[in-house]
N, C-alpha and C. Protein backbone atom coordinates (compact mmCIF):
# COMPACT_ATOMS: atom_id res chain seq x y z
N MET A 1 -32.81 43.34 162.63
CA MET A 1 -31.57 42.71 162.22
C MET A 1 -31.87 41.70 161.11
N ALA A 2 -31.03 41.71 160.09
CA ALA A 2 -31.23 40.82 158.95
C ALA A 2 -30.84 39.38 159.33
N PRO A 3 -31.43 38.39 158.68
CA PRO A 3 -31.10 36.99 159.01
C PRO A 3 -29.67 36.66 158.60
N ASN A 4 -29.07 35.75 159.33
CA ASN A 4 -27.71 35.30 159.04
C ASN A 4 -27.78 34.22 157.96
N PHE A 5 -26.83 34.21 157.05
CA PHE A 5 -26.83 33.26 155.94
C PHE A 5 -26.28 31.89 156.34
N GLU A 6 -25.71 31.77 157.53
CA GLU A 6 -24.99 30.55 157.87
C GLU A 6 -25.87 29.30 157.87
N SER A 7 -27.07 29.40 158.41
CA SER A 7 -27.91 28.20 158.49
C SER A 7 -28.27 27.69 157.09
N GLY A 8 -28.53 28.58 156.16
CA GLY A 8 -28.81 28.16 154.79
C GLY A 8 -27.60 27.53 154.14
N TYR A 9 -26.42 28.06 154.43
CA TYR A 9 -25.19 27.49 153.88
C TYR A 9 -24.97 26.09 154.43
N GLN A 10 -25.23 25.91 155.71
CA GLN A 10 -25.03 24.59 156.31
C GLN A 10 -25.99 23.57 155.72
N ARG A 11 -27.22 23.97 155.46
CA ARG A 11 -28.17 23.05 154.82
C ARG A 11 -27.71 22.71 153.40
N PHE A 12 -27.23 23.71 152.69
CA PHE A 12 -26.74 23.50 151.33
C PHE A 12 -25.54 22.56 151.33
N ALA A 13 -24.64 22.72 152.30
CA ALA A 13 -23.47 21.85 152.41
C ALA A 13 -23.89 20.41 152.70
N LEU A 14 -24.89 20.23 153.56
CA LEU A 14 -25.37 18.89 153.87
C LEU A 14 -25.97 18.24 152.63
N VAL A 15 -26.75 18.98 151.87
CA VAL A 15 -27.34 18.44 150.64
C VAL A 15 -26.23 18.07 149.66
N PHE A 16 -25.18 18.89 149.59
CA PHE A 16 -24.07 18.59 148.69
C PHE A 16 -23.35 17.30 149.10
N VAL A 17 -23.11 17.11 150.38
CA VAL A 17 -22.43 15.89 150.85
C VAL A 17 -23.28 14.66 150.53
N VAL A 18 -24.59 14.76 150.73
CA VAL A 18 -25.48 13.63 150.40
C VAL A 18 -25.45 13.36 148.89
N ALA A 19 -25.45 14.43 148.08
CA ALA A 19 -25.39 14.25 146.63
C ALA A 19 -24.05 13.63 146.21
N ALA A 20 -22.97 14.01 146.88
CA ALA A 20 -21.66 13.42 146.57
C ALA A 20 -21.65 11.93 146.88
N ALA A 21 -22.20 11.57 148.02
CA ALA A 21 -22.28 10.15 148.37
C ALA A 21 -23.15 9.39 147.37
N ALA A 22 -24.24 10.00 146.93
CA ALA A 22 -25.12 9.35 145.95
C ALA A 22 -24.40 9.17 144.60
N ALA A 23 -23.64 10.17 144.17
CA ALA A 23 -22.92 10.05 142.90
C ALA A 23 -21.86 8.96 142.98
N TRP A 24 -21.15 8.89 144.09
CA TRP A 24 -20.16 7.83 144.25
C TRP A 24 -20.83 6.46 144.37
N PHE A 25 -21.99 6.38 145.02
CA PHE A 25 -22.72 5.11 145.08
C PHE A 25 -23.07 4.64 143.68
N TYR A 26 -23.57 5.56 142.87
CA TYR A 26 -23.92 5.22 141.49
C TYR A 26 -22.69 4.70 140.73
N ALA A 27 -21.57 5.41 140.86
CA ALA A 27 -20.36 5.00 140.14
C ALA A 27 -19.86 3.65 140.63
N PHE A 28 -19.77 3.47 141.94
CA PHE A 28 -19.28 2.20 142.48
C PHE A 28 -20.24 1.05 142.16
N ASN A 29 -21.52 1.32 142.16
CA ASN A 29 -22.50 0.29 141.82
C ASN A 29 -22.34 -0.16 140.37
N GLU A 30 -22.08 0.78 139.49
CA GLU A 30 -21.86 0.44 138.09
C GLU A 30 -20.57 -0.35 137.90
N TRP A 31 -19.53 0.01 138.65
CA TRP A 31 -18.22 -0.61 138.46
C TRP A 31 -18.09 -1.94 139.19
N TRP A 32 -18.51 -2.00 140.48
CA TRP A 32 -18.19 -3.15 141.31
C TRP A 32 -19.38 -3.83 141.95
N GLY A 33 -20.57 -3.26 141.86
CA GLY A 33 -21.74 -3.88 142.46
C GLY A 33 -22.19 -3.18 143.75
N SER A 34 -23.36 -3.61 144.23
CA SER A 34 -23.99 -2.89 145.36
C SER A 34 -23.26 -3.02 146.68
N PHE A 35 -22.63 -4.15 146.94
CA PHE A 35 -21.96 -4.33 148.23
C PHE A 35 -20.85 -3.29 148.41
N TYR A 36 -19.97 -3.20 147.42
CA TYR A 36 -18.88 -2.23 147.53
C TYR A 36 -19.39 -0.79 147.44
N ALA A 37 -20.45 -0.60 146.68
CA ALA A 37 -21.03 0.74 146.59
C ALA A 37 -21.55 1.19 147.95
N ALA A 38 -22.27 0.31 148.64
CA ALA A 38 -22.80 0.65 149.96
C ALA A 38 -21.67 0.84 150.98
N LEU A 39 -20.63 0.06 150.84
CA LEU A 39 -19.51 0.13 151.78
C LEU A 39 -18.67 1.39 151.59
N LEU A 40 -18.48 1.83 150.35
CA LEU A 40 -17.52 2.90 150.06
C LEU A 40 -18.13 4.26 149.77
N CYS A 41 -19.42 4.36 149.47
CA CYS A 41 -19.96 5.63 148.99
C CYS A 41 -19.88 6.75 150.02
N ALA A 42 -20.19 6.50 151.28
CA ALA A 42 -20.17 7.57 152.29
C ALA A 42 -18.76 8.08 152.57
N PRO A 43 -17.77 7.21 152.87
CA PRO A 43 -16.44 7.76 153.14
C PRO A 43 -15.79 8.44 151.93
N VAL A 44 -15.96 7.86 150.75
CA VAL A 44 -15.35 8.46 149.56
C VAL A 44 -16.07 9.75 149.19
N GLY A 45 -17.39 9.78 149.32
CA GLY A 45 -18.13 11.02 149.04
C GLY A 45 -17.74 12.14 149.97
N LEU A 46 -17.61 11.83 151.25
CA LEU A 46 -17.20 12.84 152.23
C LEU A 46 -15.77 13.30 151.97
N ALA A 47 -14.88 12.37 151.69
CA ALA A 47 -13.48 12.73 151.42
C ALA A 47 -13.36 13.57 150.16
N SER A 48 -14.09 13.22 149.12
CA SER A 48 -14.00 14.01 147.88
C SER A 48 -14.55 15.42 148.08
N THR A 49 -15.55 15.56 148.92
CA THR A 49 -16.07 16.89 149.23
C THR A 49 -15.01 17.73 149.93
N PHE A 50 -14.35 17.16 150.92
CA PHE A 50 -13.33 17.90 151.66
C PHE A 50 -12.11 18.21 150.79
N LEU A 51 -11.76 17.30 149.89
CA LEU A 51 -10.60 17.56 149.03
C LEU A 51 -10.82 18.77 148.13
N PHE A 52 -12.02 18.89 147.57
CA PHE A 52 -12.31 20.05 146.73
C PHE A 52 -12.28 21.34 147.55
N LEU A 53 -12.83 21.30 148.75
CA LEU A 53 -12.84 22.50 149.58
C LEU A 53 -11.43 22.88 150.03
N MET A 54 -10.59 21.89 150.30
CA MET A 54 -9.19 22.19 150.65
C MET A 54 -8.44 22.77 149.45
N LEU A 55 -8.71 22.25 148.26
CA LEU A 55 -8.09 22.78 147.06
C LEU A 55 -8.47 24.24 146.86
N ILE A 56 -9.71 24.55 147.06
CA ILE A 56 -10.17 25.92 146.87
C ILE A 56 -9.55 26.85 147.92
N GLY A 57 -9.45 26.38 149.16
CA GLY A 57 -8.79 27.19 150.19
C GLY A 57 -7.33 27.44 149.86
N THR A 58 -6.67 26.45 149.28
CA THR A 58 -5.27 26.61 148.88
C THR A 58 -5.15 27.57 147.71
N LEU A 59 -6.02 27.43 146.72
CA LEU A 59 -6.01 28.35 145.58
C LEU A 59 -6.20 29.79 146.04
N ARG A 60 -7.04 29.97 147.01
CA ARG A 60 -7.32 31.32 147.52
C ARG A 60 -6.07 31.95 148.10
N GLN A 61 -5.24 31.16 148.76
CA GLN A 61 -4.06 31.70 149.42
C GLN A 61 -2.87 31.89 148.48
N ILE A 62 -2.67 31.01 147.52
CA ILE A 62 -1.44 31.07 146.73
C ILE A 62 -1.58 31.77 145.39
N THR A 63 -2.77 31.98 144.90
CA THR A 63 -2.88 32.57 143.56
C THR A 63 -2.70 34.08 143.56
N GLY A 64 -3.03 34.74 144.63
CA GLY A 64 -2.96 36.20 144.65
C GLY A 64 -4.10 36.86 143.89
N VAL A 65 -5.07 36.06 143.46
CA VAL A 65 -6.23 36.58 142.74
C VAL A 65 -7.22 37.15 143.77
N ARG A 66 -7.87 38.21 143.40
CA ARG A 66 -8.87 38.78 144.31
C ARG A 66 -9.95 37.76 144.62
N ASP A 67 -10.43 37.79 145.86
CA ASP A 67 -11.47 36.83 146.28
C ASP A 67 -12.72 36.92 145.42
N SER A 68 -13.09 38.13 145.04
CA SER A 68 -14.31 38.27 144.25
C SER A 68 -14.15 37.60 142.88
N LEU A 69 -12.99 37.77 142.25
CA LEU A 69 -12.76 37.13 140.95
C LEU A 69 -12.72 35.61 141.10
N LEU A 70 -12.02 35.13 142.11
CA LEU A 70 -11.95 33.68 142.34
C LEU A 70 -13.32 33.08 142.64
N THR A 71 -14.13 33.81 143.41
CA THR A 71 -15.48 33.35 143.72
C THR A 71 -16.28 33.11 142.45
N TRP A 72 -16.32 34.11 141.59
CA TRP A 72 -17.14 33.99 140.38
C TRP A 72 -16.52 33.04 139.36
N LEU A 73 -15.18 32.95 139.30
CA LEU A 73 -14.56 31.95 138.43
C LEU A 73 -14.94 30.54 138.86
N LEU A 74 -14.94 30.30 140.17
CA LEU A 74 -15.31 28.97 140.67
C LEU A 74 -16.78 28.67 140.37
N ILE A 75 -17.66 29.62 140.61
CA ILE A 75 -19.09 29.38 140.39
C ILE A 75 -19.37 29.12 138.91
N PHE A 76 -18.91 30.03 138.04
CA PHE A 76 -19.20 29.86 136.61
C PHE A 76 -18.40 28.72 136.00
N GLY A 77 -17.16 28.52 136.46
CA GLY A 77 -16.38 27.37 135.98
C GLY A 77 -17.02 26.06 136.38
N GLY A 78 -17.53 25.98 137.60
CA GLY A 78 -18.22 24.78 138.05
C GLY A 78 -19.47 24.49 137.24
N ILE A 79 -20.21 25.55 136.93
CA ILE A 79 -21.41 25.38 136.09
C ILE A 79 -21.02 24.87 134.71
N ALA A 80 -19.94 25.43 134.15
CA ALA A 80 -19.49 25.01 132.82
C ALA A 80 -19.02 23.55 132.83
N ILE A 81 -18.28 23.15 133.86
CA ILE A 81 -17.81 21.77 133.94
C ILE A 81 -18.97 20.80 134.12
N ALA A 82 -19.95 21.18 134.94
CA ALA A 82 -21.12 20.31 135.13
C ALA A 82 -21.91 20.17 133.83
N ALA A 83 -22.09 21.27 133.10
CA ALA A 83 -22.81 21.21 131.83
C ALA A 83 -22.04 20.35 130.82
N TYR A 84 -20.72 20.49 130.80
CA TYR A 84 -19.90 19.65 129.92
C TYR A 84 -20.02 18.17 130.30
N GLY A 85 -20.02 17.89 131.59
CA GLY A 85 -20.17 16.51 132.04
C GLY A 85 -21.50 15.90 131.62
N LEU A 86 -22.55 16.70 131.66
CA LEU A 86 -23.86 16.20 131.23
C LEU A 86 -23.91 15.98 129.72
N ALA A 87 -23.25 16.86 128.97
CA ALA A 87 -23.33 16.78 127.52
C ALA A 87 -22.36 15.77 126.91
N ALA A 88 -21.18 15.63 127.48
CA ALA A 88 -20.13 14.87 126.81
C ALA A 88 -19.99 13.42 127.28
N PHE A 89 -20.46 13.11 128.45
CA PHE A 89 -20.22 11.78 129.00
C PHE A 89 -21.54 11.08 129.32
N ALA A 90 -21.42 9.80 129.62
CA ALA A 90 -22.58 9.01 130.02
C ALA A 90 -22.19 8.12 131.18
N GLY A 91 -23.16 7.74 131.98
CA GLY A 91 -22.94 6.79 133.06
C GLY A 91 -22.18 7.39 134.23
N PRO A 92 -21.35 6.57 134.87
CA PRO A 92 -20.62 7.02 136.06
C PRO A 92 -19.67 8.18 135.79
N THR A 93 -19.07 8.20 134.61
CA THR A 93 -18.17 9.30 134.28
C THR A 93 -18.91 10.62 134.29
N SER A 94 -20.08 10.66 133.73
CA SER A 94 -20.89 11.87 133.74
C SER A 94 -21.22 12.30 135.16
N ALA A 95 -21.61 11.33 136.00
CA ALA A 95 -21.95 11.65 137.39
C ALA A 95 -20.77 12.26 138.13
N LEU A 96 -19.57 11.73 137.92
CA LEU A 96 -18.42 12.23 138.63
C LEU A 96 -17.92 13.56 138.09
N VAL A 97 -18.03 13.80 136.79
CA VAL A 97 -17.67 15.12 136.24
C VAL A 97 -18.65 16.17 136.71
N VAL A 98 -19.94 15.84 136.74
CA VAL A 98 -20.94 16.77 137.27
C VAL A 98 -20.68 17.04 138.75
N LEU A 99 -20.29 16.02 139.49
CA LEU A 99 -19.95 16.20 140.91
C LEU A 99 -18.77 17.14 141.07
N ALA A 100 -17.77 17.03 140.21
CA ALA A 100 -16.62 17.94 140.27
C ALA A 100 -17.06 19.38 140.01
N GLY A 101 -17.93 19.57 139.02
CA GLY A 101 -18.45 20.91 138.76
C GLY A 101 -19.25 21.44 139.92
N ALA A 102 -20.06 20.59 140.52
CA ALA A 102 -20.85 21.01 141.69
C ALA A 102 -19.95 21.36 142.86
N ALA A 103 -18.84 20.65 143.01
CA ALA A 103 -17.90 20.96 144.10
C ALA A 103 -17.27 22.33 143.88
N LEU A 104 -16.96 22.67 142.64
CA LEU A 104 -16.43 24.00 142.37
C LEU A 104 -17.45 25.09 142.67
N VAL A 105 -18.70 24.85 142.31
CA VAL A 105 -19.76 25.81 142.64
C VAL A 105 -19.88 25.94 144.15
N MET A 106 -19.83 24.83 144.85
CA MET A 106 -19.89 24.85 146.32
C MET A 106 -18.72 25.64 146.89
N GLY A 107 -17.54 25.49 146.33
CA GLY A 107 -16.39 26.27 146.78
C GLY A 107 -16.57 27.76 146.54
N GLY A 108 -17.14 28.11 145.40
CA GLY A 108 -17.43 29.52 145.14
C GLY A 108 -18.44 30.08 146.12
N ILE A 109 -19.44 29.29 146.45
CA ILE A 109 -20.43 29.73 147.44
C ILE A 109 -19.78 29.84 148.81
N MET A 110 -18.83 28.94 149.09
CA MET A 110 -18.10 29.01 150.36
C MET A 110 -17.34 30.34 150.47
N LEU A 111 -16.79 30.83 149.36
CA LEU A 111 -16.10 32.11 149.38
C LEU A 111 -17.07 33.28 149.39
N LEU A 112 -18.26 33.08 148.85
CA LEU A 112 -19.26 34.15 148.80
C LEU A 112 -19.90 34.39 150.17
N LYS A 113 -20.04 33.35 150.97
CA LYS A 113 -20.71 33.45 152.27
C LYS A 113 -20.07 34.47 153.20
N PRO A 114 -18.75 34.45 153.43
CA PRO A 114 -18.18 35.47 154.33
C PRO A 114 -18.36 36.89 153.81
N ARG A 115 -18.30 37.05 152.48
CA ARG A 115 -18.48 38.39 151.90
C ARG A 115 -19.91 38.88 152.17
N MET A 116 -20.89 38.01 152.02
CA MET A 116 -22.28 38.40 152.28
C MET A 116 -22.48 38.74 153.75
N ASN A 117 -21.89 37.95 154.64
CA ASN A 117 -22.02 38.23 156.06
C ASN A 117 -21.34 39.53 156.45
N ALA A 118 -20.19 39.85 155.83
CA ALA A 118 -19.50 41.11 156.11
C ALA A 118 -20.34 42.29 155.62
N MET A 119 -20.95 42.14 154.45
CA MET A 119 -21.81 43.22 153.96
C MET A 119 -23.01 43.41 154.88
N GLU A 120 -23.57 42.32 155.36
CA GLU A 120 -24.70 42.40 156.29
C GLU A 120 -24.28 43.09 157.59
N HIS A 121 -23.08 42.76 158.08
CA HIS A 121 -22.59 43.36 159.32
C HIS A 121 -22.35 44.86 159.13
N ARG A 122 -21.79 45.26 157.99
CA ARG A 122 -21.60 46.68 157.70
C ARG A 122 -22.92 47.41 157.61
N TYR A 123 -23.92 46.78 157.00
CA TYR A 123 -25.25 47.39 156.88
C TYR A 123 -25.88 47.57 158.25
N ASP A 124 -25.73 46.56 159.13
CA ASP A 124 -26.29 46.65 160.47
C ASP A 124 -25.62 47.74 161.29
N GLN A 125 -24.32 47.94 161.11
CA GLN A 125 -23.62 48.99 161.85
C GLN A 125 -24.02 50.37 161.36
N ALA A 126 -24.32 50.50 160.07
CA ALA A 126 -24.69 51.79 159.52
C ALA A 126 -26.09 52.21 159.98
N ASN A 127 -26.94 51.27 160.26
CA ASN A 127 -28.32 51.61 160.67
C ASN A 127 -28.47 51.57 162.12
């Protein structure tokens, strides 16, 4: 039996949440100082992660676009936004634009995971 992708996805999601908190810490530290950065980075980072994932779930239901097209649009669009954030901005703005691009990539991977597991399940049934 082939390995399940879920554990790798969960590790990737955890790394993403930690990176989101770090990006918000950097932004808050630049804007307001370390005290507010330490106080606000974890809740705001976690909330921003969930907001992007909820947006992607909503887009999936109301757009009528095929899941495969939406998956790859999110992944490549997220990469493009992150690259633009690195090239066009500096400081906290760059960190937050890159975070937005990474959240879109994460949403695309979230849509890719069930498809990979379904393909694995079909392969296991065939053999």
